[in-house]
Amino acid sequence: MNKANLNKIFLSINKIKQSKSEKRLMLTLERAGFSFSSATENKLSSLPSSSTNLLTADMDNLDSEIENSICSIHFIEKNNLKPLDEILMTELHFNKARLKIEKDENYKAFIWMPGKFDDSDADKNQLDFINKMQHHLSNNMILSRVPAAIQFVEDVRLIMEQQTKKIFDTIPTNVFLIVSQLDESEALRIELMLKGVLKTVKLIIVQNADINYEEYAAQQMNVSALTVIYYKNASDWALPFIQQIWKKVGGANAKSPILFIRDPASINSKIFIAKKVTCLSIQSELIPLEIKMQFDSLNDKVI
């Protein structure tokens, strides 16, 4: 995940002494590219290392951290921090996130309670909170019991990316032609030969450009009868791209079938065998005819 696209996540954990699961969660978030904060992190260096001072700092800094986050993650086990003025810190964090959700319909609170635990020796106040929390979940609160931190973080990533993805301008078309910048001249010839026969939208992928090509391509494919991915000089680009975009649009359930064409002169030939994907090796002058034949065979895809 690109860190430039992320704002901070508020992370509700035990700031005094992390359990193995909490440490694993923090490490997994870091490796996934998330930026996160907890209410005490900006004040720890100036405070004596006592529980009371840490919890007081948590109270002082909490509103600001929640307000400046795009979502919160709440790690909940059977025991809690020592209450501060009879307030459970996990409950305080959860209630602050709930208030944020009431003001911001896009805000989400992710609750991770990994696996099942034996509550015979659990903190009674914590169990009361868990019971109350489970009965007051809103649509923007996601409770997960997956056992592994990596699975939980991946679920968070997918939900947040879905929420923040950009909606591109797309055009319903017969053919969506995708090529790398290295094959732009070949793509222009194909496009000119199709002109007047099939309506075509072309995407030239430029290396290091500031655009999410996969997301745009996926959205354009949903309004295209046939997608054509062509390469001659860009063999190293072609295979990873078609593998990723095929998964992104639903694989065998994709709306638009993919015609994966390579020029026989390509040095490193790449193929991709999958449902709704046709791989061909064709001379450039014959490609427009093949595209037209493939399009005509799509009985219910004509625009």
C-alpha atoms as a PDB file:
ATOM      1  CA  MET A   1       0.000   0.000   0.000  1.00  0.00           C
ATOM      2  CA  ASN A   2       1.283   3.440  -0.906  1.00  0.00           C
ATOM      3  CA  LYS A   3       1.961   5.443   2.258  1.00  0.00           C
ATOM      4  CA  ALA A   4       1.205   8.657   0.395  1.00  0.00           C
ATOM      5  CA  ASN A   5      -2.398   7.559   0.162  1.00  0.00           C
ATOM      6  CA  LEU A   6      -2.758   6.959   3.899  1.00  0.00           C
ATOM      7  CA  ASN A   7      -3.583   9.133   6.857  1.00  0.00           C
ATOM      8  CA  LYS A   8      -2.973   7.910  10.373  1.00  0.00           C
ATOM      9  CA  ILE A   9      -4.918   5.100  11.966  1.00  0.00           C
ATOM     10  CA  PHE A  10      -5.708   5.343  15.660  1.00  0.00           C
ATOM     11  CA  LEU A  11      -4.492   2.142  17.282  1.00  0.00           C
ATOM     12  CA  SER A  12      -6.068   1.152  20.598  1.00  0.00           C
ATOM     13  CA  ILE A  13      -3.682  -1.222  22.364  1.00  0.00           C
ATOM     14  CA  ASN A  14      -1.987  -1.566  25.734  1.00  0.00           C
ATOM     15  CA  LYS A  15       0.603   1.224  25.543  1.00  0.00           C
ATOM     16  CA  ILE A  16       2.298   0.147  28.777  1.00  0.00           C
ATOM     17  CA  LYS A  17       3.106  -3.478  27.993  1.00  0.00           C
ATOM     18  CA  GLN A  18       2.128  -5.133  24.728  1.00  0.00           C
ATOM     19  CA  SER A  19       1.162  -8.784  24.497  1.00  0.00           C
ATOM     20  CA  LYS A  20       2.634 -10.974  21.756  1.00  0.00           C
ATOM     21  CA  SER A  21      -0.514 -10.483  19.688  1.00  0.00           C
ATOM     22  CA  GLU A  22      -0.336  -6.698  20.049  1.00  0.00           C
ATOM     23  CA  LYS A  23       3.333  -6.631  19.026  1.00  0.00           C
ATOM     24  CA  ARG A  24       2.522  -8.815  16.044  1.00  0.00           C
ATOM     25  CA  LEU A  25      -0.334  -6.513  15.070  1.00  0.00           C
ATOM     26  CA  MET A  26       1.900  -3.415  15.206  1.00  0.00           C
ATOM     27  CA  LEU A  27       4.624  -5.106  13.152  1.00  0.00           C
ATOM     28  CA  THR A  28       2.126  -6.332  10.558  1.00  0.00           C
ATOM     29  CA  LEU A  29       0.606  -2.858  10.204  1.00  0.00           C
ATOM     30  CA  GLU A  30       4.065  -1.378   9.665  1.00  0.00           C
ATOM     31  CA  ARG A  31       4.976  -3.975   7.048  1.00  0.00           C
ATOM     32  CA  ALA A  32       1.685  -3.347   5.261  1.00  0.00           C
ATOM     33  CA  GLY A  33       2.593   0.343   4.956  1.00  0.00           C
ATOM     34  CA  PHE A  34       0.112   1.724   7.465  1.00  0.00           C
ATOM     35  CA  SER A  35       0.861   4.814   9.501  1.00  0.00           C
ATOM     36  CA  PHE A  36      -0.657   4.588  12.963  1.00  0.00           C
ATOM     37  CA  SER A  37      -0.703   6.409  16.258  1.00  0.00           C
ATOM     38  CA  SER A  38      -1.901   5.816  19.793  1.00  0.00           C
ATOM     39  CA  ALA A  39      -2.944   8.498  22.214  1.00  0.00           C
ATOM     40  CA  THR A  40       0.252   8.436  24.260  1.00  0.00           C
ATOM     41  CA  GLU A  41       2.969   8.217  21.621  1.00  0.00           C
ATOM     42  CA  ASN A  42       3.590  11.954  21.312  1.00  0.00           C
ATOM     43  CA  LYS A  43       4.090  12.387  25.053  1.00  0.00           C
ATOM     44  CA  LEU A  44       5.987   9.334  26.200  1.00  0.00           C
ATOM     45  CA  SER A  45       9.437  10.870  26.045  1.00  0.00           C
ATOM     46  CA  SER A  46       8.562  13.625  28.507  1.00  0.00           C
ATOM     47  CA  LEU A  47       6.826  11.448  31.104  1.00  0.00           C
ATOM     48  CA  PRO A  48       8.013   9.190  33.898  1.00  0.00           C
ATOM     49  CA  SER A  49       7.329   5.580  32.949  1.00  0.00           C
ATOM     50  CA  SER A  50       4.435   4.987  35.329  1.00  0.00           C
ATOM     51  CA  SER A  51       1.045   3.570  34.401  1.00  0.00           C
ATOM     52  CA  THR A  52      -0.786   6.572  35.871  1.00  0.00           C
ATOM     53  CA  ASN A  53       1.162   9.086  33.807  1.00  0.00           C
ATOM     54  CA  LEU A  54       0.773   7.056  30.616  1.00  0.00           C
ATOM     55  CA  LEU A  55      -2.965   6.740  31.104  1.00  0.00           C
ATOM     56  CA  THR A  56      -3.309  10.438  31.920  1.00  0.00           C
ATOM     57  CA  ALA A  57      -1.470  11.293  28.698  1.00  0.00           C
ATOM     58  CA  ASP A  58      -3.777   8.934  26.871  1.00  0.00           C
ATOM     59  CA  MET A  59      -6.785  10.897  28.122  1.00  0.00           C
ATOM     60  CA  ASP A  60      -5.208  14.255  27.224  1.00  0.00           C
ATOM     61  CA  ASN A  61      -4.203  13.266  23.690  1.00  0.00           C
ATOM     62  CA  LEU A  62      -7.071  10.977  22.745  1.00  0.00           C
ATOM     63  CA  ASP A  63      -9.500  13.444  21.156  1.00  0.00           C
ATOM     64  CA  SER A  64      -6.808  14.868  18.873  1.00  0.00           C
ATOM     65  CA  GLU A  65      -5.578  11.457  17.731  1.00  0.00           C
ATOM     66  CA  ILE A  66      -9.079  10.181  16.997  1.00  0.00           C
ATOM     67  CA  GLU A  67     -10.029  13.381  15.171  1.00  0.00           C
ATOM     68  CA  ASN A  68      -6.937  13.226  12.936  1.00  0.00           C
ATOM     69  CA  SER A  69      -7.303   9.552  12.018  1.00  0.00           C
ATOM     70  CA  ILE A  70      -9.176   7.964   9.112  1.00  0.00           C
ATOM     71  CA  CYS A  71     -10.140   4.862  11.093  1.00  0.00           C
ATOM     72  CA  SER A  72      -9.435   3.153  14.396  1.00  0.00           C
ATOM     73  CA  ILE A  73      -8.244  -0.332  15.274  1.00  0.00           C
ATOM     74  CA  HIS A  74      -9.195  -1.739  18.666  1.00  0.00           C
ATOM     75  CA  PHE A  75      -7.337  -4.775  19.965  1.00  0.00           C
ATOM     76  CA  ILE A  76      -9.459  -6.452  22.633  1.00  0.00           C
ATOM     77  CA  GLU A  77      -8.503  -9.330  24.910  1.00  0.00           C
ATOM     78  CA  LYS A  78     -10.058 -10.687  28.096  1.00  0.00           C
ATOM     79  CA  ASN A  79      -8.141  -8.325  30.366  1.00  0.00           C
ATOM     80  CA  ASN A  80      -7.852  -4.554  30.330  1.00  0.00           C
ATOM     81  CA  LEU A  81      -5.565  -1.815  31.532  1.00  0.00           C
ATOM     82  CA  LYS A  82      -5.975  -0.724  35.129  1.00  0.00           C
ATOM     83  CA  PRO A  83      -8.978   1.665  35.112  1.00  0.00           C
ATOM     84  CA  LEU A  84      -8.304   5.381  35.300  1.00  0.00           C
ATOM     85  CA  ASP A  85     -10.995   7.057  37.432  1.00  0.00           C
ATOM     86  CA  GLU A  86     -13.015   3.849  37.015  1.00  0.00           C
ATOM     87  CA  ILE A  87     -12.981   4.158  33.203  1.00  0.00           C
ATOM     88  CA  LEU A  88     -11.726   1.222  31.134  1.00  0.00           C
ATOM     89  CA  MET A  89      -9.296   2.561  28.553  1.00  0.00           C
ATOM     90  CA  THR A  90     -10.464   0.146  25.846  1.00  0.00           C
ATOM     91  CA  GLU A  91     -14.029   1.272  26.476  1.00  0.00           C
ATOM     92  CA  LEU A  92     -13.008   4.918  26.409  1.00  0.00           C
ATOM     93  CA  HIS A  93     -11.245   4.456  23.060  1.00  0.00           C
ATOM     94  CA  PHE A  94     -14.215   2.598  21.628  1.00  0.00           C
ATOM     95  CA  ASN A  95     -16.694   5.261  22.760  1.00  0.00           C
ATOM     96  CA  LYS A  96     -14.558   8.028  21.257  1.00  0.00           C
ATOM     97  CA  ALA A  97     -14.459   6.155  17.948  1.00  0.00           C
ATOM     98  CA  ARG A  98     -18.235   5.662  18.127  1.00  0.00           C
ATOM     99  CA  LEU A  99     -18.713   9.429  18.536  1.00  0.00           C
ATOM    100  CA  LYS A 100     -16.420  10.028  15.557  1.00  0.00           C
ATOM    101  CA  ILE A 101     -18.537   7.664  13.453  1.00  0.00           C
ATOM    102  CA  GLU A 102     -21.681   9.599  14.373  1.00  0.00           C
ATOM    103  CA  LYS A 103     -20.070  12.759  12.948  1.00  0.00           C
ATOM    104  CA  ASP A 104     -18.293  11.175   9.973  1.00  0.00           C
ATOM    105  CA  GLU A 105     -20.149   8.520   7.963  1.00  0.00           C
ATOM    106  CA  ASN A 106     -16.891   7.420   6.296  1.00  0.00           C
ATOM    107  CA  TYR A 107     -15.059   6.709   9.548  1.00  0.00           C
ATOM    108  CA  LYS A 108     -14.612   3.048  10.465  1.00  0.00           C
ATOM    109  CA  ALA A 109     -13.708   1.240  13.677  1.00  0.00           C
ATOM    110  CA  PHE A 110     -12.096  -2.180  13.302  1.00  0.00           C
ATOM    111  CA  ILE A 111     -12.268  -4.438  16.366  1.00  0.00           C
ATOM    112  CA  TRP A 112      -9.912  -7.416  16.542  1.00  0.00           C
ATOM    113  CA  MET A 113     -10.660 -10.131  19.092  1.00  0.00           C
ATOM    114  CA  PRO A 114      -8.414 -12.942  17.800  1.00  0.00           C
ATOM    115  CA  GLY A 115      -9.749 -16.472  18.176  1.00  0.00           C
ATOM    116  CA  LYS A 116     -11.585 -17.721  21.238  1.00  0.00           C
ATOM    117  CA  PHE A 117     -10.444 -17.230  24.804  1.00  0.00           C
ATOM    118  CA  ASP A 118     -11.154 -18.884  28.122  1.00  0.00           C
ATOM    119  CA  ASP A 119     -12.969 -16.232  30.145  1.00  0.00           C
ATOM    120  CA  SER A 120     -12.773 -18.116  33.453  1.00  0.00           C
ATOM    121  CA  ASP A 121     -10.045 -15.777  34.735  1.00  0.00           C
ATOM    122  CA  ALA A 122     -11.042 -12.740  32.680  1.00  0.00           C
ATOM    123  CA  ASP A 123     -11.482  -9.198  33.936  1.00  0.00           C
ATOM    124  CA  LYS A 124     -15.199  -8.893  34.801  1.00  0.00           C
ATOM    125  CA  ASN A 125     -15.397  -5.238  33.767  1.00  0.00           C
ATOM    126  CA  GLN A 126     -13.730  -6.097  30.482  1.00  0.00           C
ATOM    127  CA  LEU A 127     -16.227  -8.885  29.823  1.00  0.00           C
ATOM    128  CA  ASP A 128     -19.092  -6.506  30.576  1.00  0.00           C
ATOM    129  CA  PHE A 129     -17.648  -4.062  28.074  1.00  0.00           C
ATOM    130  CA  ILE A 130     -17.220  -6.752  25.413  1.00  0.00           C
ATOM    131  CA  ASN A 131     -20.813  -7.853  25.848  1.00  0.00           C
ATOM    132  CA  LYS A 132     -22.049  -4.257  25.623  1.00  0.00           C
ATOM    133  CA  MET A 133     -19.823  -3.508  22.637  1.00  0.00           C
ATOM    134  CA  GLN A 134     -21.051  -6.526  20.683  1.00  0.00           C
ATOM    135  CA  HIS A 135     -24.653  -5.385  21.119  1.00  0.00           C
ATOM    136  CA  HIS A 136     -23.937  -1.851  19.913  1.00  0.00           C
ATOM    137  CA  LEU A 137     -22.072  -2.418  16.665  1.00  0.00           C
ATOM    138  CA  SER A 138     -23.019  -0.071  13.805  1.00  0.00           C
ATOM    139  CA  ASN A 139     -22.485  -0.518  10.074  1.00  0.00           C
ATOM    140  CA  ASN A 140     -19.134   1.245  10.347  1.00  0.00           C
ATOM    141  CA  MET A 141     -17.837  -1.042  13.092  1.00  0.00           C
ATOM    142  CA  ILE A 142     -16.218  -4.248  11.879  1.00  0.00           C
ATOM    143  CA  LEU A 143     -15.659  -7.007  14.425  1.00  0.00           C
ATOM    144  CA  SER A 144     -13.126  -9.655  13.419  1.00  0.00           C
ATOM    145  CA  ARG A 145     -12.165 -12.880  15.199  1.00  0.00           C
ATOM    146  CA  VAL A 146      -9.612 -14.103  12.653  1.00  0.00           C
ATOM    147  CA  PRO A 147      -6.672 -15.681  14.515  1.00  0.00           C
ATOM    148  CA  ALA A 148      -3.798 -14.150  12.509  1.00  0.00           C
ATOM    149  CA  ALA A 149      -2.719 -10.500  12.476  1.00  0.00           C
ATOM    150  CA  ILE A 150      -1.740 -10.716   8.808  1.00  0.00           C
ATOM    151  CA  GLN A 151      -5.277 -11.783   7.851  1.00  0.00           C
ATOM    152  CA  PHE A 152      -6.858  -9.062   9.970  1.00  0.00           C
ATOM    153  CA  VAL A 153      -4.599  -6.331   8.531  1.00  0.00           C
ATOM    154  CA  GLU A 154      -5.282  -7.522   4.971  1.00  0.00           C
ATOM    155  CA  ASP A 155      -9.034  -7.245   5.632  1.00  0.00           C
ATOM    156  CA  VAL A 156      -8.535  -3.701   6.949  1.00  0.00           C
ATOM    157  CA  ARG A 157      -6.480  -2.794   3.900  1.00  0.00           C
ATOM    158  CA  LEU A 158      -9.069  -4.101   1.436  1.00  0.00           C
ATOM    159  CA  ILE A 159     -11.952  -2.297   3.153  1.00  0.00           C
ATOM    160  CA  MET A 160     -10.078   1.022   3.361  1.00  0.00           C
ATOM    161  CA  GLU A 161      -8.849   0.821  -0.234  1.00  0.00           C
ATOM    162  CA  GLN A 162     -12.373   0.105  -1.442  1.00  0.00           C
ATOM    163  CA  GLN A 163     -13.640   3.125   0.463  1.00  0.00           C
ATOM    164  CA  THR A 164     -10.975   5.532  -0.743  1.00  0.00           C
ATOM    165  CA  LYS A 165     -10.583   4.409  -4.339  1.00  0.00           C
ATOM    166  CA  LYS A 166     -10.913   7.098  -6.977  1.00  0.00           C
ATOM    167  CA  ILE A 167     -13.781   7.001  -9.460  1.00  0.00           C
ATOM    168  CA  PHE A 168     -12.410   7.580 -12.972  1.00  0.00           C
ATOM    169  CA  ASP A 169     -14.210   8.925 -16.017  1.00  0.00           C
ATOM    170  CA  THR A 170     -14.984   5.912 -18.200  1.00  0.00           C
ATOM    171  CA  ILE A 171     -16.505   5.587 -21.676  1.00  0.00           C
ATOM    172  CA  PRO A 172     -18.693   2.662 -22.813  1.00  0.00           C
ATOM    173  CA  THR A 173     -16.844   1.171 -25.758  1.00  0.00           C
ATOM    174  CA  ASN A 174     -16.451  -1.840 -28.035  1.00  0.00           C
ATOM    175  CA  VAL A 175     -12.711  -2.273 -27.486  1.00  0.00           C
ATOM    176  CA  PHE A 176     -10.474  -1.158 -24.635  1.00  0.00           C
ATOM    177  CA  LEU A 177      -6.857  -1.281 -25.853  1.00  0.00           C
ATOM    178  CA  ILE A 178      -4.093  -1.321 -23.208  1.00  0.00           C
ATOM    179  CA  VAL A 179      -0.402  -1.033 -24.055  1.00  0.00           C
ATOM    180  CA  SER A 180       2.835   0.121 -22.478  1.00  0.00           C
ATOM    181  CA  GLN A 181       4.499   3.370 -23.551  1.00  0.00           C
ATOM    182  CA  LEU A 182       7.201   1.203 -25.171  1.00  0.00           C
ATOM    183  CA  ASP A 183       4.613  -0.012 -27.704  1.00  0.00           C
ATOM    184  CA  GLU A 184       2.770   3.262 -28.241  1.00  0.00           C
ATOM    185  CA  SER A 185       3.555   3.488 -31.958  1.00  0.00           C
ATOM    186  CA  GLU A 186       2.214  -0.029 -32.563  1.00  0.00           C
ATOM    187  CA  ALA A 187      -0.916   0.786 -30.586  1.00  0.00           C
ATOM    188  CA  LEU A 188      -1.531   3.885 -32.706  1.00  0.00           C
ATOM    189  CA  ARG A 189      -1.473   1.792 -35.903  1.00  0.00           C
ATOM    190  CA  ILE A 190      -3.940  -0.703 -34.403  1.00  0.00           C
ATOM    191  CA  GLU A 191      -6.227   2.101 -33.287  1.00  0.00           C
ATOM    192  CA  LEU A 192      -6.184   3.804 -36.697  1.00  0.00           C
ATOM    193  CA  MET A 193      -7.053   0.550 -38.478  1.00  0.00           C
ATOM    194  CA  LEU A 194      -9.996  -0.027 -36.129  1.00  0.00           C
ATOM    195  CA  LYS A 195     -11.279   3.514 -36.590  1.00  0.00           C
ATOM    196  CA  GLY A 196     -14.681   3.570 -38.222  1.00  0.00           C
ATOM    197  CA  VAL A 197     -15.190  -0.145 -37.523  1.00  0.00           C
ATOM    198  CA  LEU A 198     -15.172  -0.392 -33.752  1.00  0.00           C
ATOM    199  CA  LYS A 199     -15.408   2.223 -31.039  1.00  0.00           C
ATOM    200  CA  THR A 200     -12.068   2.131 -29.198  1.00  0.00           C
ATOM    201  CA  VAL A 201     -10.663   3.540 -25.967  1.00  0.00           C
ATOM    202  CA  LYS A 202      -6.873   3.387 -25.602  1.00  0.00           C
ATOM    203  CA  LEU A 203      -4.733   3.390 -22.452  1.00  0.00           C
ATOM    204  CA  ILE A 204      -0.990   4.042 -22.705  1.00  0.00           C
ATOM    205  CA  ILE A 205       0.733   3.026 -19.477  1.00  0.00           C
ATOM    206  CA  VAL A 206       3.658   5.306 -18.642  1.00  0.00           C
ATOM    207  CA  GLN A 207       6.209   4.046 -16.136  1.00  0.00           C
ATOM    208  CA  ASN A 208       6.309   5.950 -12.810  1.00  0.00           C
ATOM    209  CA  ALA A 209       3.295   8.087 -13.744  1.00  0.00           C
ATOM    210  CA  ASP A 210       1.186   9.347 -10.847  1.00  0.00           C
ATOM    211  CA  ILE A 211      -1.967   7.409 -11.690  1.00  0.00           C
ATOM    212  CA  ASN A 212      -3.457   4.165 -10.443  1.00  0.00           C
ATOM    213  CA  TYR A 213      -3.542   2.395 -13.824  1.00  0.00           C
ATOM    214  CA  GLU A 214      -4.932  -0.835 -12.404  1.00  0.00           C
ATOM    215  CA  GLU A 215      -7.911   0.910 -10.839  1.00  0.00           C
ATOM    216  CA  TYR A 216      -8.648   2.956 -13.972  1.00  0.00           C
ATOM    217  CA  ALA A 217      -8.286  -0.109 -16.200  1.00  0.00           C
ATOM    218  CA  ALA A 218     -10.596  -2.160 -13.980  1.00  0.00           C
ATOM    219  CA  GLN A 219     -13.289   0.533 -14.071  1.00  0.00           C
ATOM    220  CA  GLN A 220     -12.980   1.013 -17.855  1.00  0.00           C
ATOM    221  CA  MET A 221     -13.089  -2.759 -18.434  1.00  0.00           C
ATOM    222  CA  ASN A 222     -16.479  -2.866 -16.710  1.00  0.00           C
ATOM    223  CA  VAL A 223     -17.928  -0.719 -19.526  1.00  0.00           C
ATOM    224  CA  SER A 224     -15.995  -2.337 -22.390  1.00  0.00           C
ATOM    225  CA  ALA A 225     -17.187  -5.260 -24.496  1.00  0.00           C
ATOM    226  CA  LEU A 226     -13.648  -6.526 -25.156  1.00  0.00           C
ATOM    227  CA  THR A 227     -10.326  -5.685 -23.535  1.00  0.00           C
ATOM    228  CA  VAL A 228      -7.123  -6.041 -25.571  1.00  0.00           C
ATOM    229  CA  ILE A 229      -3.718  -6.075 -23.877  1.00  0.00           C
ATOM    230  CA  TYR A 230      -0.955  -5.890 -26.476  1.00  0.00           C
ATOM    231  CA  TYR A 231       2.817  -6.016 -26.232  1.00  0.00           C
ATOM    232  CA  LYS A 232       5.841  -6.216 -28.477  1.00  0.00           C
ATOM    233  CA  ASN A 233       8.673  -4.468 -26.631  1.00  0.00           C
ATOM    234  CA  ALA A 234       7.185  -4.460 -23.133  1.00  0.00           C
ATOM    235  CA  SER A 235       7.178  -8.171 -22.293  1.00  0.00           C
ATOM    236  CA  ASP A 236       8.322  -7.619 -18.685  1.00  0.00           C
ATOM    237  CA  TRP A 237       5.337  -5.327 -18.115  1.00  0.00           C
ATOM    238  CA  ALA A 238       2.676  -7.411 -19.829  1.00  0.00           C
ATOM    239  CA  LEU A 239       2.466 -10.606 -17.766  1.00  0.00           C
ATOM    240  CA  PRO A 240       2.377  -9.039 -14.270  1.00  0.00           C
ATOM    241  CA  PHE A 241      -0.179  -6.504 -15.474  1.00  0.00           C
ATOM    242  CA  ILE A 242      -2.624  -9.023 -16.947  1.00  0.00           C
ATOM    243  CA  GLN A 243      -2.302 -11.270 -13.874  1.00  0.00           C
ATOM    244  CA  GLN A 244      -3.146  -8.386 -11.543  1.00  0.00           C
ATOM    245  CA  ILE A 245      -5.923  -6.862 -13.629  1.00  0.00           C
ATOM    246  CA  TRP A 246      -7.562 -10.266 -14.237  1.00  0.00           C
ATOM    247  CA  LYS A 247      -7.850 -10.806 -10.476  1.00  0.00           C
ATOM    248  CA  LYS A 248      -9.001  -7.231  -9.876  1.00  0.00           C
ATOM    249  CA  VAL A 249     -11.955  -7.458 -12.277  1.00  0.00           C
ATOM    250  CA  GLY A 250     -13.177 -10.787 -10.939  1.00  0.00           C
ATOM    251  CA  GLY A 251     -11.205 -13.393 -12.875  1.00  0.00           C
ATOM    252  CA  ALA A 252     -13.556 -15.863 -14.558  1.00  0.00           C
ATOM    253  CA  ASN A 253     -16.490 -13.633 -13.551  1.00  0.00           C
ATOM    254  CA  ALA A 254     -15.127 -10.521 -15.260  1.00  0.00           C
ATOM    255  CA  LYS A 255     -17.578  -8.548 -17.406  1.00  0.00           C
ATOM    256  CA  SER A 256     -15.056  -7.978 -20.185  1.00  0.00           C
ATOM    257  CA  PRO A 257     -13.126 -10.888 -21.766  1.00  0.00           C
ATOM    258  CA  ILE A 258      -9.428 -10.214 -22.368  1.00  0.00           C
ATOM    259  CA  LEU A 259      -7.547 -10.703 -25.622  1.00  0.00           C
ATOM    260  CA  PHE A 260      -3.843 -10.956 -24.706  1.00  0.00           C
ATOM    261  CA  ILE A 261      -1.853 -10.378 -27.901  1.00  0.00           C
ATOM    262  CA  ARG A 262       1.896 -10.441 -28.425  1.00  0.00           C
ATOM    263  CA  ASP A 263       3.873  -9.647 -31.524  1.00  0.00           C
ATOM    264  CA  PRO A 264       5.872 -12.692 -32.748  1.00  0.00           C
ATOM    265  CA  ALA A 265       8.930 -10.435 -32.819  1.00  0.00           C
ATOM    266  CA  SER A 266       8.780 -10.028 -29.046  1.00  0.00           C
ATOM    267  CA  ILE A 267      12.006 -11.358 -27.510  1.00  0.00           C
ATOM    268  CA  ASN A 268      10.519 -12.724 -24.288  1.00  0.00           C
ATOM    269  CA  SER A 269       7.157 -14.281 -25.058  1.00  0.00           C
ATOM    270  CA  LYS A 270       4.682 -14.294 -22.167  1.00  0.00           C
ATOM    271  CA  ILE A 271       1.382 -16.146 -21.999  1.00  0.00           C
ATOM    272  CA  PHE A 272      -1.364 -16.202 -19.385  1.00  0.00           C
ATOM    273  CA  ILE A 273      -3.779 -19.123 -19.319  1.00  0.00           C
ATOM    274  CA  ALA A 274      -7.040 -18.385 -17.517  1.00  0.00           C
ATOM    275  CA  LYS A 275     -10.786 -18.320 -18.063  1.00  0.00           C
ATOM    276  CA  LYS A 276     -12.008 -15.373 -20.130  1.00  0.00           C
ATOM    277  CA  VAL A 277      -8.461 -14.796 -21.441  1.00  0.00           C
ATOM    278  CA  THR A 278      -7.394 -15.588 -25.005  1.00  0.00           C
ATOM    279  CA  CYS A 279      -3.642 -15.542 -25.742  1.00  0.00           C
ATOM    280  CA  LEU A 280      -2.494 -15.023 -29.322  1.00  0.00           C
ATOM    281  CA  SER A 281       0.720 -14.355 -31.241  1.00  0.00           C
ATOM    282  CA  ILE A 282      -0.126 -12.295 -34.338  1.00  0.00           C
ATOM    283  CA  GLN A 283       1.673 -10.066 -36.820  1.00  0.00           C
ATOM    284  CA  SER A 284       0.783  -6.431 -36.193  1.00  0.00           C
ATOM    285  CA  GLU A 285      -0.998  -5.963 -39.535  1.00  0.00           C
ATOM    286  CA  LEU A 286      -3.420  -8.809 -38.718  1.00  0.00           C
ATOM    287  CA  ILE A 287      -4.267  -7.671 -35.188  1.00  0.00           C
ATOM    288  CA  PRO A 288      -7.187  -5.327 -36.096  1.00  0.00           C
ATOM    289  CA  LEU A 289      -8.874  -8.135 -38.077  1.00  0.00           C
ATOM    290  CA  GLU A 290      -8.475 -10.549 -35.159  1.00  0.00           C
ATOM    291  CA  ILE A 291      -9.905  -7.984 -32.730  1.00  0.00           C
ATOM    292  CA  LYS A 292     -12.920  -7.491 -35.017  1.00  0.00           C
ATOM    293  CA  MET A 293     -13.487 -11.263 -35.230  1.00  0.00           C
ATOM    294  CA  GLN A 294     -13.243 -11.635 -31.444  1.00  0.00           C
ATOM    295  CA  PHE A 295     -15.658  -8.753 -30.934  1.00  0.00           C
ATOM    296  CA  ASP A 296     -18.202 -10.171 -33.407  1.00  0.00           C
ATOM    297  CA  SER A 297     -18.181 -13.453 -31.484  1.00  0.00           C
ATOM    298  CA  LEU A 298     -19.440 -11.722 -28.338  1.00  0.00           C
ATOM    299  CA  ASN A 299     -23.169 -12.115 -28.983  1.00  0.00           C
ATOM    300  CA  ASP A 300     -24.385 -10.260 -25.937  1.00  0.00           C
ATOM    301  CA  LYS A 301     -21.582  -7.708 -25.596  1.00  0.00           C
ATOM    302  CA  VAL A 302     -22.349  -5.375 -28.483  1.00  0.00           C
ATOM    303  CA  ILE A 303     -22.623  -1.744 -27.365  1.00  0.00           C
END
